[in-house]
Protein backbone atom coordinates (compact mmCIF):
# COMPACT_ATOMS: atom_id res chain seq x y z
CA MET A 1 33.29 -26.74 -30.50
CA ASN A 2 30.86 -27.92 -28.44
CA VAL A 3 28.40 -25.18 -27.25
CA ALA A 4 25.74 -25.85 -24.36
CA PHE A 5 22.52 -23.11 -23.82
CA VAL A 6 21.35 -23.07 -20.51
CA HIS A 7 17.69 -21.27 -20.93
CA PRO A 8 15.80 -19.91 -17.72
CA PRO A 9 14.15 -22.10 -15.63
CA PHE A 10 10.53 -20.14 -16.45
CA GLU A 11 9.68 -21.50 -19.91
CA THR A 12 10.06 -23.77 -22.01
CA ILE A 13 11.79 -23.12 -25.39
CA PRO A 14 10.46 -25.58 -27.98
CA PRO A 15 12.13 -27.09 -31.02
CA LEU A 16 13.16 -24.67 -34.32
CA SER A 17 10.65 -26.32 -36.21
CA ALA A 18 7.75 -25.67 -33.61
CA LYS A 19 7.67 -22.46 -34.93
CA ARG A 20 6.40 -21.53 -31.38
CA THR A 21 9.01 -19.17 -30.32
CA THR A 22 7.28 -15.97 -29.27
CA ALA A 23 9.05 -14.86 -26.16
CA SER A 24 12.41 -13.15 -26.98
CA LEU A 25 14.58 -14.97 -24.99
CA MET A 26 12.96 -18.01 -27.22
CA VAL A 27 13.60 -16.27 -30.26
CA TRP A 28 17.40 -15.61 -29.45
CA THR A 29 18.34 -18.85 -28.22
CA ASN A 30 16.57 -20.36 -31.09
CA GLN A 31 17.94 -17.95 -33.79
CA ILE A 32 21.25 -18.64 -32.56
CA ALA A 33 21.25 -22.26 -32.10
CA GLN A 34 20.56 -22.92 -35.58
CA ARG A 35 23.21 -20.65 -37.06
CA LEU A 36 26.02 -22.08 -34.62
CA ALA A 37 24.63 -25.88 -35.36
CA ARG A 38 25.74 -25.80 -39.07
CA GLU A 39 29.23 -26.27 -37.83
CA HIS A 40 29.15 -27.09 -34.33
CA HIS A 41 27.60 -29.23 -31.89
CA VAL A 42 24.94 -26.99 -30.23
CA LEU A 43 22.71 -28.24 -27.19
CA VAL A 44 20.11 -26.27 -25.58
CA TYR A 45 18.60 -27.46 -22.08
CA SER A 46 15.49 -26.27 -20.93
CA PRO A 47 12.83 -27.74 -18.53
CA GLY A 48 9.98 -30.01 -20.19
CA ASP A 49 6.15 -28.82 -20.49
CA GLY A 50 4.29 -32.12 -21.53
CA THR A 51 4.68 -31.52 -24.94
CA PHE A 52 8.65 -31.44 -25.06
CA GLU A 53 10.22 -34.18 -22.97
CA GLY A 54 13.45 -35.87 -23.05
CA THR A 55 15.67 -35.16 -25.92
CA VAL A 56 14.61 -33.56 -28.96
CA TYR A 57 16.70 -33.30 -32.27
CA ASP A 58 15.84 -30.98 -34.52
CA SER A 59 17.19 -28.85 -37.38
CA ASP A 60 20.98 -30.15 -36.14
CA ILE A 61 20.29 -28.79 -32.18
CA GLU A 62 19.98 -31.02 -29.42
CA TYR A 63 16.88 -30.38 -27.30
CA ARG A 64 17.10 -31.59 -23.64
CA TYR A 65 14.34 -31.06 -21.45
CA VAL A 66 14.41 -31.44 -17.64
CA ASP A 67 11.63 -33.84 -16.38
CA VAL A 68 8.32 -32.08 -16.17
CA THR A 69 6.99 -33.47 -12.97
CA GLN A 70 10.23 -32.66 -11.27
CA HIS A 71 10.35 -29.32 -12.66
CA LYS A 72 6.16 -29.00 -11.53
CA TRP A 73 7.15 -29.62 -8.29
CA GLU A 74 10.02 -27.44 -7.77
CA ARG A 75 8.39 -24.68 -9.53
CA ARG A 76 5.12 -25.23 -6.91
CA VAL A 77 7.86 -24.56 -4.07
CA VAL A 78 9.80 -21.35 -6.00
CA ASN A 79 6.11 -19.69 -6.49
CA GLY A 80 5.09 -20.20 -2.91
CA MET A 81 8.31 -18.91 -1.60
CA MET A 82 7.70 -15.84 -4.07
CA HIS A 83 4.54 -15.63 -3.03
CA ALA A 84 5.30 -15.12 0.83
CA GLU A 85 8.38 -12.73 -0.31
CA ALA A 86 5.39 -10.78 -1.76
CA ILE A 87 3.34 -10.87 0.68
CA ALA A 88 5.94 -9.43 3.48
CA GLY A 89 6.42 -6.72 1.11
CA TYR A 90 10.09 -7.89 -0.46
CA PRO A 91 12.05 -7.34 3.14
CA GLN A 92 15.56 -7.59 0.80
CA PRO A 93 14.23 -5.72 -2.51
CA LYS A 94 17.48 -5.87 -3.59
CA ARG A 95 18.43 -9.68 -2.49
CA PRO A 96 15.00 -11.13 -4.19
CA ILE A 97 14.65 -15.24 -4.47
CA LEU A 98 14.68 -14.81 -8.26
CA ALA A 99 18.38 -13.33 -7.91
CA THR A 100 20.07 -16.34 -5.30
CA GLN A 101 20.03 -19.92 -5.35
CA ARG A 102 17.09 -20.57 -3.64
CA TYR A 103 15.38 -19.93 -7.51
CA TYR A 104 14.99 -23.38 -9.22
CA PRO A 105 18.42 -24.77 -7.41
CA ASN A 106 16.80 -28.62 -8.79
CA TYR A 107 16.95 -27.80 -12.09
CA ILE A 108 20.63 -26.08 -12.34
CA GLU A 109 21.94 -29.07 -10.35
CA LYS A 110 20.62 -31.33 -13.02
CA VAL A 111 21.68 -29.32 -15.96
CA ALA A 112 25.14 -28.86 -14.64
CA ARG A 113 25.42 -32.67 -13.21
CA ASP A 114 24.24 -33.55 -16.86
CA LEU A 115 26.41 -31.26 -18.81
CA SER A 116 29.30 -32.86 -16.51
CA ARG A 117 29.31 -36.34 -18.13
CA GLU A 118 30.40 -34.65 -21.40
CA HIS A 119 33.01 -32.33 -22.53
CA TRP A 120 32.11 -28.63 -23.48
CA ASP A 121 33.88 -26.05 -24.85
CA ILE A 122 31.09 -23.58 -24.00
CA ILE A 123 28.36 -23.31 -21.44
CA HIS A 124 26.53 -20.32 -22.15
CA VAL A 125 23.69 -19.50 -19.70
CA THR A 126 20.91 -16.74 -19.89
CA GLU A 127 19.98 -14.39 -17.65
CA MET A 128 20.68 -16.45 -14.49
CA ALA A 129 24.15 -15.20 -12.93
CA GLN A 130 23.28 -17.53 -10.11
CA TYR A 131 23.74 -20.09 -11.92
CA VAL A 132 27.62 -19.51 -12.88
CA PRO A 133 29.49 -21.14 -9.73
CA VAL A 134 27.09 -23.96 -9.81
CA LEU A 135 27.61 -24.62 -13.89
CA LYS A 136 31.48 -24.12 -12.97
CA ARG A 137 31.92 -26.54 -10.07
CA TYR A 138 30.78 -29.04 -12.07
CA ASN A 139 32.31 -28.47 -15.26
CA PRO A 140 35.62 -26.51 -14.64
CA ASP A 141 37.17 -27.14 -17.93
CA ALA A 142 34.35 -25.03 -20.10
CA ARG A 143 34.24 -21.35 -20.43
CA ILE A 144 31.01 -20.10 -18.62
CA VAL A 145 29.60 -16.93 -20.58
CA LEU A 146 26.83 -15.12 -18.90
CA HIS A 147 24.11 -13.40 -21.29
CA ASN A 148 22.14 -10.01 -19.85
CA HIS A 149 19.29 -9.27 -21.78
CA GLN A 150 17.70 -7.19 -18.88
CA TYR A 151 19.34 -4.19 -16.50
CA ARG A 152 18.50 -6.11 -13.18
CA LEU A 153 22.25 -7.47 -12.46
CA ALA A 154 23.40 -4.14 -11.73
CA GLN A 155 20.38 -3.41 -9.77
CA TYR A 156 20.52 -6.04 -7.26
CA ASP A 157 22.91 -6.13 -4.14
CA ARG A 158 26.51 -5.82 -5.03
CA ALA A 159 27.88 -8.39 -2.98
CA LEU A 160 25.31 -11.20 -3.99
CA VAL A 161 26.02 -10.49 -7.64
CA HIS A 162 30.18 -10.02 -6.97
CA GLU A 163 30.22 -13.39 -6.16
CA GLN A 164 27.80 -14.73 -8.36
CA LEU A 165 30.38 -13.38 -11.44
CA GLN A 166 33.49 -14.34 -10.09
CA GLU A 167 33.39 -17.38 -12.05
CA ALA A 168 31.99 -15.94 -15.63
CA ASP A 169 34.69 -16.05 -18.35
CA LEU A 170 32.83 -13.46 -20.25
CA ILE A 171 29.44 -11.40 -19.21
CA LEU A 172 27.46 -10.20 -22.40
CA ALA A 173 25.05 -7.60 -22.78
CA VAL A 174 22.31 -6.91 -25.04
CA SER A 175 23.33 -3.11 -25.76
CA ARG A 176 25.80 -0.55 -24.67
CA SER A 177 23.86 0.77 -22.02
CA VAL A 178 23.34 -2.17 -20.29
CA THR A 179 27.13 -3.12 -20.90
CA GLN A 180 27.98 0.20 -19.13
CA ALA A 181 25.59 -0.31 -16.17
CA LEU A 182 26.88 -3.59 -15.56
CA ARG A 183 31.07 -2.06 -15.91
CA ASP A 184 30.06 0.83 -13.63
CA ARG A 185 28.41 -1.78 -10.61
CA PHE A 186 31.34 -3.94 -10.81
CA PRO A 187 34.42 -2.48 -11.94
CA GLU A 188 36.55 -5.39 -10.86
CA TYR A 189 34.98 -7.00 -14.01
CA ALA A 190 34.65 -4.35 -16.10
CA ASP A 191 37.52 -6.37 -18.95
CA ARG A 192 34.93 -9.42 -19.00
CA CYS A 193 31.94 -7.35 -20.14
CA GLU A 194 31.03 -6.94 -23.64
CA THR A 195 28.18 -5.96 -26.01
CA LEU A 196 26.34 -8.41 -28.55
CA TYR A 197 23.43 -6.87 -29.88
CA ASN A 198 20.52 -8.82 -30.97
CA GLY A 199 19.07 -9.55 -34.15
CA VAL A 200 16.50 -9.55 -37.14
CA ASP A 201 16.01 -11.51 -40.62
CA ALA A 202 16.20 -8.10 -42.28
CA ALA A 203 15.52 -9.85 -45.74
CA ARG A 204 12.44 -11.66 -44.35
CA PHE A 205 11.09 -7.73 -43.57
CA ARG A 206 12.52 -6.31 -46.51
CA ASP A 207 10.90 -7.84 -48.76
CA MET A 208 7.63 -7.63 -46.68
CA HIS A 209 8.12 -3.99 -46.94
CA LEU A 210 8.26 -4.47 -51.31
CA ASN A 211 4.87 -5.46 -50.85
CA HIS A 212 3.34 -2.61 -48.43
CA ALA A 213 0.76 -0.53 -49.90
CA LYS A 214 1.06 3.25 -48.92
CA PRO A 215 -1.19 3.84 -45.71
CA ASP A 216 -4.11 6.22 -46.47
CA PRO A 217 -3.68 9.17 -44.13
CA GLU A 218 -7.67 9.20 -43.89
CA TYR A 219 -7.34 6.28 -42.26
CA PRO A 220 -4.10 5.79 -40.20
CA ARG A 221 -3.32 2.74 -38.17
CA LEU A 222 -1.19 2.65 -35.19
CA LEU A 223 0.67 -0.66 -33.92
CA PHE A 224 2.04 -1.59 -30.78
CA VAL A 225 3.94 -5.12 -30.68
CA GLY A 226 5.32 -6.24 -27.71
CA ARG A 227 3.93 -7.93 -24.25
CA ILE A 228 1.21 -6.06 -22.62
CA SER A 229 2.86 -4.95 -19.42
CA PRO A 230 2.85 -1.60 -17.72
CA GLU A 231 7.15 -1.14 -18.59
CA LYS A 232 5.88 -1.29 -21.78
CA GLY A 233 3.78 1.67 -21.57
CA VAL A 234 0.98 0.91 -23.74
CA HIS A 235 -1.26 2.83 -21.06
CA VAL A 236 0.80 5.80 -22.41
CA LEU A 237 -0.45 4.76 -25.71
CA ILE A 238 -3.74 4.87 -25.32
CA ASP A 239 -3.85 8.24 -23.80
CA ALA A 240 -1.77 9.46 -26.59
CA PHE A 241 -4.75 7.32 -29.11
CA ALA A 242 -7.43 8.72 -27.40
CA ARG A 243 -5.86 12.46 -28.18
CA LEU A 244 -5.48 11.49 -31.64
CA ALA A 245 -8.88 9.97 -32.15
CA GLU A 246 -10.47 13.35 -32.04
CA LYS A 247 -8.60 14.71 -34.67
CA HIS A 248 -8.73 11.45 -36.62
CA PRO A 249 -12.04 9.70 -36.19
CA ARG A 250 -10.99 7.02 -38.65
CA ALA A 251 -7.94 5.82 -36.86
CA GLU A 252 -7.42 2.60 -35.27
CA LEU A 253 -4.66 1.19 -32.58
CA ASP A 254 -3.31 -2.28 -33.06
CA LEU A 255 -2.26 -3.99 -29.97
CA VAL A 256 -0.48 -7.06 -30.76
CA GLY A 257 0.91 -9.07 -27.40
CA GLY A 258 -0.14 -11.15 -25.25
CA ILE A 259 -1.40 -9.73 -21.79
CA SER A 260 0.90 -11.07 -19.63
CA SER A 261 2.53 -8.39 -17.13
CA VAL A 262 5.98 -8.84 -15.94
CA GLY A 263 6.05 -9.78 -12.10
CA TYR A 264 5.79 -6.87 -9.53
CA HIS A 265 9.57 -8.96 -8.38
CA TYR A 266 11.19 -8.49 -11.90
CA ILE A 267 11.00 -4.73 -12.06
CA ILE A 268 9.63 -2.81 -9.54
CA PRO A 269 11.35 -3.36 -5.85
CA MET A 270 15.04 -3.31 -7.25
CA SER A 271 14.71 -0.02 -9.34
CA ASP A 272 15.15 3.47 -8.56
CA ASP A 273 13.64 4.68 -11.47
CA PRO A 274 10.71 6.97 -10.59
CA ASN A 275 8.88 5.64 -13.53
CA VAL A 276 9.60 2.19 -12.88
CA GLN A 277 8.45 3.03 -9.40
CA ALA A 278 5.27 4.45 -10.50
CA LEU A 279 4.09 1.17 -12.32
CA SER A 280 3.52 -0.25 -8.94
CA THR A 281 -0.18 1.22 -8.75
CA PHE A 282 -0.68 -1.32 -11.80
CA TYR A 283 0.03 -4.44 -9.36
CA HIS A 284 -2.37 -5.27 -5.96
CA PRO A 285 -0.91 -3.89 -2.82
CA VAL A 286 -0.80 -6.88 -1.12
CA THR A 287 -0.40 -9.80 -3.38
CA LYS A 288 1.36 -8.20 -5.77
CA ARG A 289 -0.59 -9.46 -8.74
CA ASP A 290 -0.75 -7.46 -11.68
CA ARG A 291 -4.42 -5.71 -12.44
CA TYR A 292 -3.09 -4.06 -15.52
CA LYS A 293 -5.58 -5.26 -18.31
CA GLY A 294 -8.63 -4.08 -16.04
CA ALA A 295 -6.30 -0.89 -15.74
CA LEU A 296 -6.61 -0.43 -19.65
CA ASP A 297 -9.78 -1.13 -19.85
CA GLN A 298 -10.99 1.35 -17.76
CA LEU A 299 -8.36 4.11 -19.89
CA VAL A 300 -10.13 3.36 -22.88
CA PRO A 301 -13.14 6.28 -23.77
CA ASP A 302 -16.16 4.45 -24.64
CA HIS A 303 -16.58 6.28 -27.74
CA ILE A 304 -13.33 4.94 -29.09
CA ARG A 305 -13.22 1.36 -27.67
CA ASP A 306 -14.07 -0.12 -30.62
CA ARG A 307 -10.89 1.53 -32.29
CA ILE A 308 -8.46 0.10 -30.10
CA HIS A 309 -7.81 -3.64 -31.29
CA PHE A 310 -6.37 -6.08 -28.55
CA HIS A 311 -4.86 -9.38 -30.79
CA GLY A 312 -3.50 -11.00 -27.88
CA GLN A 313 -0.21 -13.34 -28.71
CA ILE A 314 0.57 -14.61 -32.00
CA PRO A 315 3.44 -16.38 -33.97
CA ASN A 316 6.21 -14.45 -35.05
CA SER A 317 5.32 -15.59 -38.55
CA ARG A 318 2.04 -13.59 -38.25
CA LEU A 319 3.98 -10.18 -38.20
CA GLU A 320 3.61 -9.01 -41.49
CA GLU A 321 -0.17 -9.04 -41.31
CA TYR A 322 -0.05 -6.20 -38.96
CA LEU A 323 2.88 -4.20 -40.44
CA ARG A 324 1.50 -4.15 -44.05
CA LYS A 325 -1.65 -2.02 -42.52
CA ALA A 326 0.49 0.06 -40.18
CA THR A 327 1.11 3.74 -40.36
CA ALA A 328 3.49 4.12 -37.83
CA PHE A 329 4.67 1.34 -35.05
CA VAL A 330 4.62 2.63 -31.77
CA PHE A 331 7.33 1.45 -28.69
CA PRO A 332 6.34 3.59 -25.76
CA SER A 333 8.42 1.96 -23.12
CA VAL A 334 7.96 3.73 -19.50
CA TRP A 335 11.58 1.56 -18.28
CA GLU A 336 14.79 1.93 -19.25
CA GLU A 337 14.05 -0.98 -22.40
CA PRO A 338 17.39 -2.94 -22.44
CA PHE A 339 17.03 -3.94 -26.13
CA SER A 340 13.97 -4.47 -27.99
CA ILE A 341 13.65 -7.27 -30.64
CA ALA A 342 10.19 -5.62 -31.85
CA LEU A 343 11.71 -2.48 -32.24
CA ILE A 344 14.10 -3.30 -34.89
CA GLU A 345 11.68 -5.71 -36.20
CA GLY A 346 9.37 -2.58 -36.71
CA GLN A 347 12.18 -0.43 -38.28
CA ALA A 348 13.22 -3.58 -40.68
CA SER A 349 9.31 -3.16 -41.89
CA GLY A 350 10.04 -0.15 -43.46
CA VAL A 351 7.12 0.98 -40.93
CA PRO A 352 8.19 4.45 -39.55
CA VAL A 353 8.85 4.26 -35.64
CA VAL A 354 8.15 6.24 -32.62
CA ALA A 355 9.83 5.18 -29.77
CA THR A 356 11.14 6.55 -26.16
CA ARG A 357 14.27 7.65 -25.38
CA ALA A 358 14.85 4.64 -23.06
CA GLY A 359 18.34 2.88 -22.50
CA GLY A 360 18.80 0.17 -25.54
CA ASN A 361 16.18 2.43 -28.33
CA LEU A 362 18.79 5.16 -28.00
CA GLU A 363 21.34 2.64 -29.69
CA LEU A 364 18.61 1.49 -32.21
CA MET A 365 17.43 4.61 -33.51
CA VAL A 366 18.91 7.97 -34.82
CA ASP A 367 16.43 10.69 -33.71
CA GLY A 368 14.95 12.44 -37.15
CA GLU A 369 16.75 10.25 -39.20
CA THR A 370 15.68 6.38 -38.64
CA GLY A 371 12.61 7.28 -36.32
CA LEU A 372 10.93 9.73 -33.95
CA LEU A 373 12.20 9.34 -30.21
CA VAL A 374 10.09 11.20 -27.45
CA GLU A 375 9.93 11.10 -23.60
CA ARG A 376 9.20 8.34 -21.59
CA ASN A 377 5.93 8.45 -19.92
CA ASN A 378 4.46 11.64 -21.95
CA ALA A 379 1.08 11.04 -23.91
CA ASP A 380 1.66 14.08 -25.54
CA ALA A 381 4.58 14.16 -27.15
CA LEU A 382 3.68 10.74 -28.03
CA ALA A 383 0.44 12.22 -29.71
CA ASP A 384 2.25 14.82 -31.17
CA ALA A 385 5.18 12.78 -32.81
CA LEU A 386 2.41 10.17 -34.03
CA GLU A 387 0.65 13.40 -35.48
CA ARG A 388 3.26 14.23 -37.66
CA LEU A 389 3.74 10.98 -39.20
CA ILE A 390 0.00 11.07 -40.07
CA ALA A 391 0.58 14.32 -41.30
CA ASP A 392 3.68 13.78 -43.47
CA PRO A 393 3.68 10.56 -45.05
CA ALA A 394 6.75 11.67 -46.76
CA LEU A 395 8.51 12.04 -43.60
CA GLY A 396 7.49 8.30 -42.77
CA GLU A 397 8.24 6.92 -45.86
CA ARG A 398 11.96 9.03 -45.91
CA LEU A 399 12.62 7.61 -42.15
CA GLY A 400 11.31 4.04 -42.70
CA LYS A 401 14.19 3.38 -45.79
CA ALA A 402 17.10 5.02 -43.36
CA ALA A 403 15.69 2.56 -41.06
CA GLN A 404 15.81 -0.60 -43.16
CA ALA A 405 18.92 0.22 -44.71
CA ARG A 406 20.52 0.82 -40.91
CA ILE A 407 19.06 -2.54 -39.28
CA LYS A 408 20.64 -4.34 -42.40
CA ASP A 409 24.00 -2.88 -41.39
CA LEU A 410 23.87 -3.55 -37.39
CA PHE A 411 21.36 -5.97 -36.43
CA THR A 412 20.89 -9.03 -38.26
CA TRP A 413 21.19 -12.66 -36.51
CA ASP A 414 23.74 -13.29 -38.97
CA GLN A 415 26.13 -10.69 -37.51
CA CYS A 416 24.95 -11.52 -34.03
CA ALA A 417 26.12 -14.82 -34.60
CA GLU A 418 29.50 -14.17 -35.94
CA ASN A 419 29.97 -11.91 -33.15
CA LEU A 420 29.44 -14.42 -31.05
CA LEU A 421 31.69 -17.19 -32.41
CA ASN A 422 34.62 -14.34 -32.33
CA TYR A 423 33.78 -14.15 -28.59
CA TYR A 424 33.98 -17.69 -27.91
CA ALA A 425 37.19 -18.19 -30.33
CA ALA A 426 38.83 -15.52 -28.30
CA LEU A 427 37.66 -17.49 -24.80
CA LEU A 428 39.29 -20.45 -25.90
CA GLU A 429 42.35 -18.99 -27.41
CA GLN A 430 42.77 -17.16 -23.96
CA ALA A 431 43.03 -14.04 -26.10
CA ASP A 432 41.44 -10.39 -25.36
CA PRO A 433 38.42 -10.48 -27.12
CA ILE A 434 37.78 -8.36 -30.06
CA PRO A 435 35.03 -5.72 -29.19
CA ALA A 436 32.02 -6.34 -31.79
CA TYR A 437 30.74 -2.90 -31.85
CA ALA A 438 33.63 0.08 -31.93
């Protein structure tokens, strides 16, 4: 089978051996590509960035990078249009440039033309629904798979997206929650919408747990892993930690992740969720540039400032260093979380998890059995749940072990790759797909 993955134009995916995959889309593509490449021809298309250019062969995967000079020019044009859109106050909030074919048109034209020179059974495009018609026009015999890692497609203008989905042979989503949102929004394509959960290297984190020292209740250490961005709820976590810190003078909070807020245009204009709309206060009212780190600095009380640690972005391979020291893993999302790889990595490690009742989180955890779930945007509830784990180490150990077992059963990269290949096979055989999760 010949499979081509088309990565979004906003980031460069490094080859597998570079071990620089930190963003979730990069992790997904490389984890699945290496498994499919054992028996199939796999190509990954991505923008070049100066470090990675031309064609690179790595771990049986072929990486092709769009010319970096051309892409930099197009990026300046697209960023200029999006900046003007922000200044104008998003006159068409359900039709942002991000959702149209004005978003890096040269990139996808180049990719589609290049792919048309060879035979591809499957072209798997991540996130960019507007690229589906272009890819199909140049590659009419290929099966086009659109993979959604967010809810955005169900939030955009319906007529716009309807046209984009016509040529998609299969529409995947990372959780049942996202799948259902797409089916509700586009009932005419409901039979093409299926769920494909992300995965985790369960063995890696299981081995880590074997060497995990039991946390000292006198020195509780809380851990957040993810993007330091408003929708992830770090401001709520800091508020909750400030309440805990009074009772636990030796408690510390580790925040692991890059301080790079998701652009305003990615989450605010098209969302009708009051919790998401309220996040607009963390962006400049005119330019829409984020002011999140400054807001977090103001939120931290001076007397506990030295107990809150911003570690920045780290290679995924170093995550164990922080998990081994953690009393609890905290995932306080404010928006409807589609599917968090960080959340299942936390559970796979055996560290007890507290997360919010938000979107895909409800599928990844069983409240009271594999972790604790609290309401979104509620610092009191978050602090209370964390206090339960600090006060009752036995509860934390029980939740952690149950979470590990469930992750191993449902959420591994091998299972993800196997389910994806089953979907591909059904497409090529013109058969009805067998749902991966009954």
